[in-house]
Amino acid sequence: MMRIVTAIFLKQTLQAASDDAEVQLSEHAARNAACAANMKALFEQLNEYGDGVVTYQEFSNIIVRPDMKALMSVIDLDKHEMMDVFVLLDDGDGKITYEEFITGVLRLKGHARALDVVAIQHEIKRLEHKILKRLAEKDL
């Protein structure tokens, strides 16, 4: 009798855990959809000319608006830091596409992982070594 009660209890517990996982996945998907909608709306605000890209000039014009200043204060960024964000998102052509914006914002969202920090440190060391080597070659 005790085994039957234990089996029923275990089955109900596993079912509840499965339901919790499904609920969490559903909530996560809903949060991601809301976040994507918010990012699309933000990109459309930044894209003054409606051409699908945000230029440095558009970006700098928009971030001085009172509503954007309020948004920046909520995420604890000032105007100069926001301009740094543009540079981080830009692939070097002076414009941010919607894809660059989404990819960049998602990478900026959340805390830096230890792996990200180590990768950056490694890249800095590699570049430093390369620069020192080139400088040494010029001195010869």
C-alpha atoms as a PDB file:
ATOM      1  CA  MET A   1       0.000   0.000   0.000  1.00  0.00           C
ATOM      2  CA  MET A   2       2.826   2.376   0.893  1.00  0.00           C
ATOM      3  CA  ARG A   3       4.456   1.822  -2.535  1.00  0.00           C
ATOM      4  CA  ILE A   4       1.233   2.714  -4.323  1.00  0.00           C
ATOM      5  CA  VAL A   5       0.878   5.954  -2.339  1.00  0.00           C
ATOM      6  CA  THR A   6       4.542   6.764  -3.003  1.00  0.00           C
ATOM      7  CA  ALA A   7       4.138   6.032  -6.716  1.00  0.00           C
ATOM      8  CA  ILE A   8       1.055   8.254  -6.970  1.00  0.00           C
ATOM      9  CA  PHE A   9       2.806  11.036  -5.048  1.00  0.00           C
ATOM     10  CA  LEU A  10       5.912  10.729  -7.277  1.00  0.00           C
ATOM     11  CA  LYS A  11       3.794  10.780 -10.447  1.00  0.00           C
ATOM     12  CA  GLN A  12       1.945  13.918  -9.307  1.00  0.00           C
ATOM     13  CA  THR A  13       5.218  15.593  -8.308  1.00  0.00           C
ATOM     14  CA  LEU A  14       6.803  14.853 -11.693  1.00  0.00           C
ATOM     15  CA  GLN A  15       3.679  16.111 -13.477  1.00  0.00           C
ATOM     16  CA  ALA A  16       3.731  19.340 -11.447  1.00  0.00           C
ATOM     17  CA  ALA A  17       7.439  19.839 -12.232  1.00  0.00           C
ATOM     18  CA  SER A  18       6.751  19.272 -15.920  1.00  0.00           C
ATOM     19  CA  ASP A  19       3.899  21.773 -15.826  1.00  0.00           C
ATOM     20  CA  ASP A  20       6.162  24.314 -14.044  1.00  0.00           C
ATOM     21  CA  ALA A  21       8.821  23.917 -16.745  1.00  0.00           C
ATOM     22  CA  GLU A  22       6.213  24.455 -19.463  1.00  0.00           C
ATOM     23  CA  VAL A  23       4.890  27.537 -17.676  1.00  0.00           C
ATOM     24  CA  GLN A  24       8.421  28.920 -17.311  1.00  0.00           C
ATOM     25  CA  LEU A  25       9.159  28.318 -20.991  1.00  0.00           C
ATOM     26  CA  SER A  26       5.892  29.978 -21.949  1.00  0.00           C
ATOM     27  CA  GLU A  27       6.615  32.993 -19.717  1.00  0.00           C
ATOM     28  CA  HIS A  28      10.162  33.238 -21.106  1.00  0.00           C
ATOM     29  CA  ALA A  29       8.819  33.199 -24.672  1.00  0.00           C
ATOM     30  CA  ALA A  30       6.282  35.905 -23.792  1.00  0.00           C
ATOM     31  CA  ARG A  31       9.015  38.089 -22.225  1.00  0.00           C
ATOM     32  CA  ASN A  32      11.201  37.627 -25.316  1.00  0.00           C
ATOM     33  CA  ALA A  33       8.316  38.588 -27.610  1.00  0.00           C
ATOM     34  CA  ALA A  34       7.600  41.720 -25.548  1.00  0.00           C
ATOM     35  CA  CYS A  35      11.295  42.613 -25.518  1.00  0.00           C
ATOM     36  CA  ALA A  36      11.505  42.176 -29.305  1.00  0.00           C
ATOM     37  CA  ALA A  37       8.450  44.401 -29.785  1.00  0.00           C
ATOM     38  CA  ASN A  38       9.960  47.077 -27.527  1.00  0.00           C
ATOM     39  CA  MET A  39      13.280  46.941 -29.387  1.00  0.00           C
ATOM     40  CA  LYS A  40      11.513  47.215 -32.745  1.00  0.00           C
ATOM     41  CA  ALA A  41       9.576  50.253 -31.515  1.00  0.00           C
ATOM     42  CA  LEU A  42      12.778  51.833 -30.191  1.00  0.00           C
ATOM     43  CA  PHE A  43      14.583  51.200 -33.488  1.00  0.00           C
ATOM     44  CA  GLU A  44      11.698  52.790 -35.389  1.00  0.00           C
ATOM     45  CA  GLN A  45      11.958  55.869 -33.146  1.00  0.00           C
ATOM     46  CA  LEU A  46      15.688  56.067 -33.777  1.00  0.00           C
ATOM     47  CA  ASN A  47      15.202  55.654 -37.528  1.00  0.00           C
ATOM     48  CA  GLU A  48      13.975  59.210 -38.199  1.00  0.00           C
ATOM     49  CA  TYR A  49      14.114  58.914 -41.991  1.00  0.00           C
ATOM     50  CA  GLY A  50      12.404  55.511 -42.140  1.00  0.00           C
ATOM     51  CA  ASP A  51      15.068  54.048 -44.405  1.00  0.00           C
ATOM     52  CA  GLY A  52      15.800  50.997 -42.248  1.00  0.00           C
ATOM     53  CA  VAL A  53      19.133  52.229 -40.924  1.00  0.00           C
ATOM     54  CA  VAL A  54      20.084  54.573 -38.109  1.00  0.00           C
ATOM     55  CA  THR A  55      22.968  56.899 -38.852  1.00  0.00           C
ATOM     56  CA  TYR A  56      25.250  58.479 -36.281  1.00  0.00           C
ATOM     57  CA  GLN A  57      23.505  61.798 -36.950  1.00  0.00           C
ATOM     58  CA  GLU A  58      20.014  60.332 -36.445  1.00  0.00           C
ATOM     59  CA  PHE A  59      21.167  58.642 -33.261  1.00  0.00           C
ATOM     60  CA  SER A  60      22.735  61.818 -31.849  1.00  0.00           C
ATOM     61  CA  ASN A  61      19.613  63.861 -32.754  1.00  0.00           C
ATOM     62  CA  ILE A  62      17.259  61.435 -31.022  1.00  0.00           C
ATOM     63  CA  ILE A  63      19.133  60.922 -27.758  1.00  0.00           C
ATOM     64  CA  VAL A  64      18.777  64.578 -26.786  1.00  0.00           C
ATOM     65  CA  ARG A  65      14.975  64.371 -26.795  1.00  0.00           C
ATOM     66  CA  PRO A  66      13.412  64.488 -23.313  1.00  0.00           C
ATOM     67  CA  ASP A  67      11.696  61.103 -23.729  1.00  0.00           C
ATOM     68  CA  MET A  68      14.985  59.473 -24.746  1.00  0.00           C
ATOM     69  CA  LYS A  69      16.809  61.180 -21.863  1.00  0.00           C
ATOM     70  CA  ALA A  70      14.208  59.687 -19.527  1.00  0.00           C
ATOM     71  CA  LEU A  71      14.706  56.252 -21.075  1.00  0.00           C
ATOM     72  CA  MET A  72      18.482  56.598 -20.760  1.00  0.00           C
ATOM     73  CA  SER A  73      18.189  57.587 -17.109  1.00  0.00           C
ATOM     74  CA  VAL A  74      16.113  54.463 -16.461  1.00  0.00           C
ATOM     75  CA  ILE A  75      18.895  52.306 -17.889  1.00  0.00           C
ATOM     76  CA  ASP A  76      21.513  54.475 -16.153  1.00  0.00           C
ATOM     77  CA  LEU A  77      23.237  55.841 -19.263  1.00  0.00           C
ATOM     78  CA  ASP A  78      24.123  59.408 -20.153  1.00  0.00           C
ATOM     79  CA  LYS A  79      24.421  60.959 -23.643  1.00  0.00           C
ATOM     80  CA  HIS A  80      28.107  60.140 -24.015  1.00  0.00           C
ATOM     81  CA  GLU A  81      27.600  56.529 -22.978  1.00  0.00           C
ATOM     82  CA  MET A  82      24.751  56.232 -25.484  1.00  0.00           C
ATOM     83  CA  MET A  83      27.049  57.460 -28.233  1.00  0.00           C
ATOM     84  CA  ASP A  84      29.485  54.739 -27.142  1.00  0.00           C
ATOM     85  CA  VAL A  85      26.623  52.266 -27.560  1.00  0.00           C
ATOM     86  CA  PHE A  86      26.237  53.428 -31.177  1.00  0.00           C
ATOM     87  CA  VAL A  87      29.925  52.787 -31.807  1.00  0.00           C
ATOM     88  CA  LEU A  88      29.634  49.322 -30.254  1.00  0.00           C
ATOM     89  CA  LEU A  89      26.626  48.415 -32.391  1.00  0.00           C
ATOM     90  CA  ASP A  90      27.987  49.844 -35.649  1.00  0.00           C
ATOM     91  CA  ASP A  91      29.943  47.460 -37.871  1.00  0.00           C
ATOM     92  CA  GLY A  92      32.093  50.321 -39.159  1.00  0.00           C
ATOM     93  CA  ASP A  93      29.919  51.772 -41.918  1.00  0.00           C
ATOM     94  CA  GLY A  94      28.488  54.569 -39.766  1.00  0.00           C
ATOM     95  CA  LYS A  95      24.993  53.063 -39.795  1.00  0.00           C
ATOM     96  CA  ILE A  96      23.114  50.571 -37.659  1.00  0.00           C
ATOM     97  CA  THR A  97      20.724  48.205 -39.394  1.00  0.00           C
ATOM     98  CA  TYR A  98      17.817  46.620 -37.557  1.00  0.00           C
ATOM     99  CA  GLU A  99      19.723  43.327 -37.432  1.00  0.00           C
ATOM    100  CA  GLU A 100      22.822  45.025 -35.964  1.00  0.00           C
ATOM    101  CA  PHE A 101      20.623  46.804 -33.451  1.00  0.00           C
ATOM    102  CA  ILE A 102      18.820  43.656 -32.283  1.00  0.00           C
ATOM    103  CA  THR A 103      21.985  41.546 -32.179  1.00  0.00           C
ATOM    104  CA  GLY A 104      23.916  44.257 -30.367  1.00  0.00           C
ATOM    105  CA  VAL A 105      21.235  45.086 -27.834  1.00  0.00           C
ATOM    106  CA  LEU A 106      20.742  41.421 -27.006  1.00  0.00           C
ATOM    107  CA  ARG A 107      24.485  41.058 -26.449  1.00  0.00           C
ATOM    108  CA  LEU A 108      24.534  44.162 -24.267  1.00  0.00           C
ATOM    109  CA  LYS A 109      21.522  43.007 -22.275  1.00  0.00           C
ATOM    110  CA  GLY A 110      22.346  41.365 -18.980  1.00  0.00           C
ATOM    111  CA  HIS A 111      25.626  40.937 -17.199  1.00  0.00           C
ATOM    112  CA  ALA A 112      28.928  40.177 -18.846  1.00  0.00           C
ATOM    113  CA  ARG A 113      29.756  36.524 -18.581  1.00  0.00           C
ATOM    114  CA  ALA A 114      33.191  35.448 -17.430  1.00  0.00           C
ATOM    115  CA  LEU A 115      33.758  33.915 -20.868  1.00  0.00           C
ATOM    116  CA  ASP A 116      33.105  37.290 -22.528  1.00  0.00           C
ATOM    117  CA  VAL A 117      35.602  39.019 -20.238  1.00  0.00           C
ATOM    118  CA  VAL A 118      38.295  36.385 -20.825  1.00  0.00           C
ATOM    119  CA  ALA A 119      37.743  36.572 -24.595  1.00  0.00           C
ATOM    120  CA  ILE A 120      38.153  40.352 -24.518  1.00  0.00           C
ATOM    121  CA  GLN A 121      41.306  40.109 -22.404  1.00  0.00           C
ATOM    122  CA  HIS A 122      42.738  37.553 -24.832  1.00  0.00           C
ATOM    123  CA  GLU A 123      41.972  39.741 -27.834  1.00  0.00           C
ATOM    124  CA  ILE A 124      43.568  42.780 -26.172  1.00  0.00           C
ATOM    125  CA  LYS A 125      46.744  40.816 -25.437  1.00  0.00           C
ATOM    126  CA  ARG A 126      46.843  39.517 -29.013  1.00  0.00           C
ATOM    127  CA  LEU A 127      46.448  43.020 -30.442  1.00  0.00           C
ATOM    128  CA  GLU A 128      49.030  44.447 -28.034  1.00  0.00           C
ATOM    129  CA  HIS A 129      51.543  41.794 -29.104  1.00  0.00           C
ATOM    130  CA  LYS A 130      50.825  42.496 -32.774  1.00  0.00           C
ATOM    131  CA  ILE A 131      51.263  46.262 -32.317  1.00  0.00           C
ATOM    132  CA  LEU A 132      54.512  45.862 -30.381  1.00  0.00           C
ATOM    133  CA  LYS A 133      55.846  43.530 -33.055  1.00  0.00           C
ATOM    134  CA  ARG A 134      55.023  46.028 -35.832  1.00  0.00           C
ATOM    135  CA  LEU A 135      56.592  48.879 -33.856  1.00  0.00           C
ATOM    136  CA  ALA A 136      59.744  46.821 -33.365  1.00  0.00           C
ATOM    137  CA  GLU A 137      59.875  46.049 -37.099  1.00  0.00           C
ATOM    138  CA  LYS A 138      59.655  49.789 -37.911  1.00  0.00           C
ATOM    139  CA  ASP A 139      62.540  50.576 -35.569  1.00  0.00           C
ATOM    140  CA  LEU A 140      64.829  48.176 -37.432  1.00  0.00           C
END
